[in-house]
Amino acid sequence: MKQNIDREKDLQLRELDAMCVNESRLEDKWYHSFKYLLIGIVFGTVFVKSEVVSWYRIQEMFRLQSFHMYGIIGSAVITGMISIFLIKKFNIKTIEGETIRIAPKTFNKGQIYGGLLFGFGWVMTGACPGPLFAQIGTGATVVAVTLFSAIAGTWVYGLLREKLPH
C-alpha cells in the first residue's frame, strides 16, 4: 500500500517537472536496444540528407534568409500535434500495451528563460541537441565541444534546479 502511494507521488512530481511519466516497468534483454541504434542511424541520415545539421542552413534560418528550416520545424510541430490528438482521442497504448499518460502543462516564466538560453546557444553554435551526433558523424568533430557543453549545462541545471524559477 505504502509503495503504491510513493509511486503515485513520484509520478505526480515527475509530471510537475515535465519529466517522462511513461517509463516502462518492463525489463528488456540487452540486445533490444539495437532497435534504438537503428532508429538513430535512420534519424541521423534523414537529418544529414535534409540539411538540418548544416550550419549554413541554421544561420539562414536565424537571419530570416530561408524558409527551409522553418518548413521542417513547422512540419514536425504539426506532426506532433496530430499525433498527440490521435493518442488522446483513441487512447492509443504503447507497443507493450501500457497506457500513455500526457500530463497537462502549465506556463511558467522559467520557460522564457530556458527558451532564450537555448536559442542563444543554438545561434552561437549552429547546433541543437537533436542533430549533435549527426554533425559529429559527418566529420564536424568540433561539434564535440558543443556536445560537452550541453552535457555540462545539463549537469549545472541539475545542481541549480531547486534555485531556478519554475
Protein backbone atom coordinates (compact mmCIF):
# COMPACT_ATOMS: atom_id res chain seq x y z
CA MET A 1 0.00 0.00 0.00
CA LYS A 2 2.70 2.48 1.02
CA GLN A 3 4.75 1.56 -2.07
CA ASN A 4 1.78 2.38 -4.36
CA ILE A 5 1.30 5.74 -2.62
CA ASP A 6 5.02 6.52 -3.00
CA ARG A 7 4.92 5.52 -6.69
CA GLU A 8 1.87 7.75 -7.33
CA LYS A 9 3.54 10.66 -5.50
CA ASP A 10 6.67 10.12 -7.62
CA LEU A 11 4.58 10.21 -10.81
CA GLN A 12 2.90 13.44 -9.70
CA LEU A 13 6.29 15.05 -9.04
CA ARG A 14 7.54 13.89 -12.44
CA GLU A 15 4.53 15.47 -14.11
CA LEU A 16 5.31 18.79 -12.44
CA ASP A 17 8.89 18.65 -13.66
CA ALA A 18 7.83 17.67 -17.21
CA MET A 19 9.89 14.51 -16.93
CA CYS A 20 8.93 11.24 -18.56
CA VAL A 21 5.98 9.71 -16.76
CA ASN A 22 5.53 6.89 -19.27
CA GLU A 23 8.61 4.96 -18.22
CA SER A 24 8.04 1.29 -18.83
CA ARG A 25 8.18 -1.12 -15.92
CA LEU A 26 9.05 -3.94 -18.31
CA GLU A 27 12.55 -5.40 -18.36
CA ASP A 28 14.08 -5.96 -21.80
CA LYS A 29 17.09 -8.03 -22.80
CA TRP A 30 20.27 -6.07 -23.58
CA TYR A 31 20.02 -6.67 -27.34
CA HIS A 32 16.61 -4.97 -27.56
CA SER A 33 18.49 -1.65 -27.52
CA PHE A 34 19.73 -2.28 -31.06
CA LYS A 35 16.37 -1.06 -32.39
CA TYR A 36 17.21 2.37 -30.95
CA LEU A 37 20.61 2.29 -32.64
CA LEU A 38 18.94 1.56 -35.98
CA ILE A 39 16.34 4.30 -35.48
CA GLY A 40 19.16 6.70 -34.54
CA ILE A 41 21.07 5.87 -37.71
CA VAL A 42 17.96 6.47 -39.82
CA PHE A 43 17.21 9.67 -37.91
CA GLY A 44 20.77 10.94 -38.42
CA THR A 45 20.71 10.05 -42.12
CA VAL A 46 17.45 11.97 -42.59
CA PHE A 47 18.94 14.95 -40.75
CA VAL A 48 22.03 14.94 -42.97
CA LYS A 49 20.12 14.46 -46.24
CA SER A 50 17.58 17.17 -45.39
CA GLU A 51 20.44 19.53 -44.39
CA VAL A 52 19.00 20.03 -40.89
CA VAL A 53 22.52 19.62 -39.49
CA SER A 54 24.00 22.18 -41.86
CA TRP A 55 25.46 25.15 -40.01
CA TYR A 56 24.72 27.28 -43.08
CA ARG A 57 21.04 26.29 -43.10
CA ILE A 58 20.78 27.11 -39.39
CA GLN A 59 22.37 30.51 -39.94
CA GLU A 60 19.99 31.17 -42.86
CA MET A 61 17.08 30.44 -40.55
CA PHE A 62 18.22 32.83 -37.83
CA ARG A 63 18.96 35.54 -40.41
CA LEU A 64 15.46 35.03 -41.89
CA GLN A 65 17.02 34.30 -45.30
CA SER A 66 15.40 30.93 -46.00
CA PHE A 67 12.18 29.06 -45.24
CA HIS A 68 13.92 25.64 -45.33
CA MET A 69 14.36 25.12 -41.57
CA TYR A 70 11.05 26.78 -40.67
CA GLY A 71 9.30 24.34 -43.01
CA ILE A 72 10.98 21.34 -41.39
CA ILE A 73 10.36 22.55 -37.83
CA GLY A 74 6.78 23.53 -38.68
CA SER A 75 6.02 20.14 -40.21
CA ALA A 76 7.47 18.45 -37.10
CA VAL A 77 5.24 20.58 -34.83
CA ILE A 78 2.14 19.78 -36.90
CA THR A 79 3.02 16.07 -36.93
CA GLY A 80 3.43 16.18 -33.13
CA MET A 81 0.10 17.95 -32.68
CA ILE A 82 -1.73 15.42 -34.83
CA SER A 83 0.00 12.53 -33.03
CA ILE A 84 -0.96 13.80 -29.55
CA PHE A 85 -4.53 14.40 -30.72
CA LEU A 86 -4.79 10.83 -32.06
CA ILE A 87 -3.18 9.32 -28.92
CA LYS A 88 -5.71 11.11 -26.70
CA LYS A 89 -8.74 10.55 -28.94
CA PHE A 90 -8.23 6.82 -29.47
CA ASN A 91 -6.48 6.08 -26.14
CA ILE A 92 -3.55 4.56 -28.02
CA LYS A 93 -1.22 2.43 -25.91
CA THR A 94 2.50 1.65 -26.23
CA ILE A 95 3.73 -1.36 -28.19
CA GLU A 96 3.84 -3.26 -24.87
CA GLY A 97 0.19 -2.30 -24.16
CA GLU A 98 0.91 0.26 -21.44
CA THR A 99 -1.23 3.40 -21.12
CA ILE A 100 0.31 6.65 -22.34
CA ARG A 101 -0.17 9.46 -19.82
CA ILE A 102 0.15 13.02 -21.06
CA ALA A 103 0.21 15.46 -18.17
CA PRO A 104 -1.38 18.89 -18.58
CA LYS A 105 1.24 21.59 -18.97
CA THR A 106 1.20 24.97 -17.26
CA PHE A 107 3.12 28.03 -18.34
CA ASN A 108 5.84 29.48 -16.11
CA LYS A 109 8.50 32.16 -16.51
CA GLY A 110 11.32 29.61 -16.43
CA GLN A 111 10.23 28.51 -19.90
CA ILE A 112 11.01 32.00 -21.22
CA TYR A 113 14.49 31.99 -19.68
CA GLY A 114 15.17 28.44 -20.82
CA GLY A 115 13.94 29.15 -24.35
CA LEU A 116 16.11 32.24 -24.65
CA LEU A 117 19.15 30.40 -23.34
CA PHE A 118 18.51 27.51 -25.72
CA GLY A 119 18.02 29.90 -28.67
CA PHE A 120 21.20 31.87 -27.93
CA GLY A 121 23.16 28.63 -27.70
CA TRP A 122 21.67 27.42 -30.97
CA VAL A 123 22.59 30.68 -32.73
CA MET A 124 26.14 30.70 -31.38
CA THR A 125 26.96 27.06 -32.04
CA GLY A 126 24.77 26.27 -35.05
CA ALA A 127 23.60 23.11 -33.30
CA CYS A 128 20.73 21.96 -31.13
CA PRO A 129 20.73 18.68 -29.16
CA GLY A 130 18.94 16.58 -31.79
CA PRO A 131 21.49 16.81 -34.60
CA LEU A 132 24.67 16.98 -32.50
CA PHE A 133 25.58 13.33 -33.05
CA ALA A 134 24.72 13.52 -36.75
CA GLN A 135 27.00 16.55 -37.10
CA ILE A 136 29.82 14.70 -35.36
CA GLY A 137 29.12 11.67 -37.57
CA THR A 138 29.55 13.79 -40.71
CA GLY A 139 33.05 14.71 -39.61
CA ALA A 140 32.36 18.04 -37.92
CA THR A 141 34.27 16.92 -34.85
CA VAL A 142 34.48 20.48 -33.48
CA VAL A 143 30.79 19.97 -32.56
CA ALA A 144 32.08 17.71 -29.77
CA VAL A 145 32.76 20.96 -27.87
CA THR A 146 29.06 21.78 -28.17
CA LEU A 147 28.14 18.26 -27.04
CA PHE A 148 30.33 18.50 -23.94
CA SER A 149 28.94 21.98 -23.26
CA ALA A 150 25.38 20.64 -23.48
CA ILE A 151 26.26 17.86 -21.05
CA ALA A 152 27.91 20.35 -18.68
CA GLY A 153 24.86 22.66 -18.93
CA THR A 154 22.56 19.77 -18.06
CA TRP A 155 24.74 18.91 -15.08
CA VAL A 156 24.75 22.54 -13.87
CA TYR A 157 20.96 22.68 -14.28
CA GLY A 158 20.68 19.57 -12.13
CA LEU A 159 22.76 21.25 -9.43
CA LEU A 160 20.85 24.54 -9.51
CA ARG A 161 17.39 23.20 -10.33
CA GLU A 162 15.88 23.92 -6.93
CA LYS A 163 17.06 27.55 -7.05
CA LEU A 164 15.82 28.29 -10.59
CA PRO A 165 12.41 29.77 -11.45
CA HIS A 166 9.95 27.05 -12.40
